[in-house]
Amino acid sequence: NDGGPAGPANQGPANAGSAFTDQHGIADGASLGNLGPPAYASAWQPGRKRTRWSPDEEKLLVKGVTEYGPKWTTILCSFGGFHHDRTSIDLKDKWRNLCKAREAATTEAT
């Protein structure tokens, strides 16, 4: 014994993750596999329905990226024309898919 206080706070590496888990309300030993930051929570809701992107939403996304760059939350909050269930992650993913489609169309044209 080194003379320090006894207890969970002084048990070394075996208890190293408890400060994080205590801060975030996760029980020690719980699986972290299904947890993510709160910003992603709405995208991970069970039963969340996929909603097709309208042409107007796509135009709004292009306008937002032109104006703000890839600041997805800013774009989502600045324009009122997105479906109410859209998240900043949805915008990022849609932009990636639009870029891939544009690249594929350019490759086919050459």
C-alpha atoms as a PDB file:
ATOM      1  CA  ASN A   1       0.000   0.000   0.000  1.00  0.00           C
ATOM      2  CA  ASP A   2       1.369   3.428  -0.958  1.00  0.00           C
ATOM      3  CA  GLY A   3      -0.457   5.226   1.857  1.00  0.00           C
ATOM      4  CA  GLY A   4      -2.966   6.821  -0.525  1.00  0.00           C
ATOM      5  CA  PRO A   5      -6.710   6.593  -0.111  1.00  0.00           C
ATOM      6  CA  ALA A   6      -8.269   3.222  -0.756  1.00  0.00           C
ATOM      7  CA  GLY A   7     -11.253   2.754  -3.015  1.00  0.00           C
ATOM      8  CA  PRO A   8     -12.328   2.721  -6.675  1.00  0.00           C
ATOM      9  CA  ALA A   9     -10.668   6.023  -7.556  1.00  0.00           C
ATOM     10  CA  ASN A  10      -7.262   4.593  -6.713  1.00  0.00           C
ATOM     11  CA  GLN A  11      -7.434   1.201  -8.409  1.00  0.00           C
ATOM     12  CA  GLY A  12      -5.374   2.092 -11.485  1.00  0.00           C
ATOM     13  CA  PRO A  13      -5.958   0.914 -15.061  1.00  0.00           C
ATOM     14  CA  ALA A  14      -8.712  -1.540 -14.161  1.00  0.00           C
ATOM     15  CA  ASN A  15     -10.946   1.435 -13.401  1.00  0.00           C
ATOM     16  CA  ALA A  16      -9.514   3.888 -15.962  1.00  0.00           C
ATOM     17  CA  GLY A  17     -12.718   4.227 -17.992  1.00  0.00           C
ATOM     18  CA  SER A  18     -15.007   5.015 -15.062  1.00  0.00           C
ATOM     19  CA  ALA A  19     -14.525   8.803 -15.192  1.00  0.00           C
ATOM     20  CA  PHE A  20     -15.844   8.821 -18.758  1.00  0.00           C
ATOM     21  CA  THR A  21     -18.618   6.365 -18.039  1.00  0.00           C
ATOM     22  CA  ASP A  22     -19.679   8.197 -14.883  1.00  0.00           C
ATOM     23  CA  GLN A  23     -19.720  11.533 -16.700  1.00  0.00           C
ATOM     24  CA  HIS A  24     -21.896  10.141 -19.499  1.00  0.00           C
ATOM     25  CA  GLY A  25     -24.145   7.922 -17.378  1.00  0.00           C
ATOM     26  CA  ILE A  26     -22.852   4.629 -18.757  1.00  0.00           C
ATOM     27  CA  ALA A  27     -22.555   1.704 -16.374  1.00  0.00           C
ATOM     28  CA  ASP A  28     -19.086   0.187 -16.046  1.00  0.00           C
ATOM     29  CA  GLY A  29     -18.767  -2.787 -18.372  1.00  0.00           C
ATOM     30  CA  ALA A  30     -21.604  -1.610 -20.635  1.00  0.00           C
ATOM     31  CA  SER A  31     -21.153  -2.052 -24.347  1.00  0.00           C
ATOM     32  CA  LEU A  32     -20.369   1.233 -26.094  1.00  0.00           C
ATOM     33  CA  GLY A  33     -21.082  -0.268 -29.520  1.00  0.00           C
ATOM     34  CA  ASN A  34     -24.532   1.277 -29.937  1.00  0.00           C
ATOM     35  CA  LEU A  35     -23.829   4.637 -28.363  1.00  0.00           C
ATOM     36  CA  GLY A  36     -22.764   7.756 -30.172  1.00  0.00           C
ATOM     37  CA  PRO A  37     -22.564  11.468 -29.623  1.00  0.00           C
ATOM     38  CA  PRO A  38     -25.883  13.262 -29.058  1.00  0.00           C
ATOM     39  CA  ALA A  39     -25.549  14.954 -32.465  1.00  0.00           C
ATOM     40  CA  TYR A  40     -26.174  11.578 -34.102  1.00  0.00           C
ATOM     41  CA  ALA A  41     -29.007  10.463 -31.828  1.00  0.00           C
ATOM     42  CA  SER A  42     -31.862  11.455 -34.139  1.00  0.00           C
ATOM     43  CA  ALA A  43     -30.238   9.600 -37.049  1.00  0.00           C
ATOM     44  CA  TRP A  44     -30.072   6.398 -34.986  1.00  0.00           C
ATOM     45  CA  GLN A  45     -33.674   6.316 -33.784  1.00  0.00           C
ATOM     46  CA  PRO A  46     -35.186   2.873 -34.146  1.00  0.00           C
ATOM     47  CA  GLY A  47     -37.906   2.877 -36.744  1.00  0.00           C
ATOM     48  CA  ARG A  48     -36.808   6.152 -38.280  1.00  0.00           C
ATOM     49  CA  LYS A  49     -38.293   6.230 -41.760  1.00  0.00           C
ATOM     50  CA  ARG A  50     -36.179   7.060 -44.790  1.00  0.00           C
ATOM     51  CA  THR A  51     -37.546  10.012 -46.696  1.00  0.00           C
ATOM     52  CA  ARG A  52     -36.655  10.598 -50.331  1.00  0.00           C
ATOM     53  CA  TRP A  53     -34.943  13.863 -51.112  1.00  0.00           C
ATOM     54  CA  SER A  54     -37.038  16.266 -53.133  1.00  0.00           C
ATOM     55  CA  PRO A  55     -35.466  18.221 -56.012  1.00  0.00           C
ATOM     56  CA  ASP A  56     -36.051  21.395 -53.983  1.00  0.00           C
ATOM     57  CA  GLU A  57     -34.090  19.953 -51.037  1.00  0.00           C
ATOM     58  CA  GLU A  58     -31.220  19.016 -53.359  1.00  0.00           C
ATOM     59  CA  LYS A  59     -31.131  22.566 -54.761  1.00  0.00           C
ATOM     60  CA  LEU A  60     -31.201  23.949 -51.224  1.00  0.00           C
ATOM     61  CA  LEU A  61     -28.290  21.716 -50.257  1.00  0.00           C
ATOM     62  CA  VAL A  62     -26.236  22.868 -53.252  1.00  0.00           C
ATOM     63  CA  LYS A  63     -27.048  26.498 -52.395  1.00  0.00           C
ATOM     64  CA  GLY A  64     -26.059  25.927 -48.760  1.00  0.00           C
ATOM     65  CA  VAL A  65     -22.711  24.327 -49.634  1.00  0.00           C
ATOM     66  CA  THR A  66     -22.024  27.129 -52.109  1.00  0.00           C
ATOM     67  CA  GLU A  67     -22.753  29.714 -49.421  1.00  0.00           C
ATOM     68  CA  TYR A  68     -21.311  28.078 -46.281  1.00  0.00           C
ATOM     69  CA  GLY A  69     -19.064  25.254 -47.443  1.00  0.00           C
ATOM     70  CA  PRO A  70     -19.410  21.863 -45.742  1.00  0.00           C
ATOM     71  CA  LYS A  71     -20.917  23.255 -42.525  1.00  0.00           C
ATOM     72  CA  TRP A  72     -23.847  20.861 -42.371  1.00  0.00           C
ATOM     73  CA  THR A  73     -25.455  22.066 -39.155  1.00  0.00           C
ATOM     74  CA  THR A  74     -25.237  25.685 -40.293  1.00  0.00           C
ATOM     75  CA  ILE A  75     -26.877  24.780 -43.602  1.00  0.00           C
ATOM     76  CA  LEU A  76     -29.600  22.783 -41.869  1.00  0.00           C
ATOM     77  CA  CYS A  77     -30.374  25.622 -39.449  1.00  0.00           C
ATOM     78  CA  SER A  78     -30.126  28.433 -42.020  1.00  0.00           C
ATOM     79  CA  PHE A  79     -32.631  27.120 -44.543  1.00  0.00           C
ATOM     80  CA  GLY A  80     -36.197  26.149 -43.732  1.00  0.00           C
ATOM     81  CA  GLY A  81     -36.896  23.950 -46.743  1.00  0.00           C
ATOM     82  CA  PHE A  82     -35.499  20.620 -45.509  1.00  0.00           C
ATOM     83  CA  HIS A  83     -37.766  17.802 -44.326  1.00  0.00           C
ATOM     84  CA  HIS A  84     -38.281  18.069 -40.553  1.00  0.00           C
ATOM     85  CA  ASP A  85     -36.502  14.744 -39.902  1.00  0.00           C
ATOM     86  CA  ARG A  86     -33.296  15.684 -41.750  1.00  0.00           C
ATOM     87  CA  THR A  87     -30.084  15.757 -39.716  1.00  0.00           C
ATOM     88  CA  SER A  88     -26.722  17.316 -40.484  1.00  0.00           C
ATOM     89  CA  ILE A  89     -25.466  13.771 -41.145  1.00  0.00           C
ATOM     90  CA  ASP A  90     -28.206  13.325 -43.761  1.00  0.00           C
ATOM     91  CA  LEU A  91     -26.974  16.483 -45.501  1.00  0.00           C
ATOM     92  CA  LYS A  92     -23.369  15.272 -45.452  1.00  0.00           C
ATOM     93  CA  ASP A  93     -24.329  11.879 -46.847  1.00  0.00           C
ATOM     94  CA  LYS A  94     -26.526  13.372 -49.564  1.00  0.00           C
ATOM     95  CA  TRP A  95     -23.749  15.768 -50.602  1.00  0.00           C
ATOM     96  CA  ARG A  96     -21.306  12.852 -50.838  1.00  0.00           C
ATOM     97  CA  ASN A  97     -23.791  10.936 -53.004  1.00  0.00           C
ATOM     98  CA  LEU A  98     -24.426  13.957 -55.235  1.00  0.00           C
ATOM     99  CA  CYS A  99     -20.674  14.357 -55.754  1.00  0.00           C
ATOM    100  CA  LYS A 100     -20.298  10.652 -56.605  1.00  0.00           C
ATOM    101  CA  ALA A 101     -23.169  10.858 -59.105  1.00  0.00           C
ATOM    102  CA  ARG A 102     -21.666  13.973 -60.703  1.00  0.00           C
ATOM    103  CA  GLU A 103     -18.270  12.257 -60.934  1.00  0.00           C
ATOM    104  CA  ALA A 104     -19.831   9.139 -62.511  1.00  0.00           C
ATOM    105  CA  ALA A 105     -21.725  11.244 -65.051  1.00  0.00           C
ATOM    106  CA  THR A 106     -18.539  13.120 -65.955  1.00  0.00           C
ATOM    107  CA  THR A 107     -16.623   9.841 -66.365  1.00  0.00           C
ATOM    108  CA  GLU A 108     -19.338   8.377 -68.631  1.00  0.00           C
ATOM    109  CA  ALA A 109     -19.413  11.512 -70.797  1.00  0.00           C
ATOM    110  CA  THR A 110     -15.696  11.234 -71.606  1.00  0.00           C
END
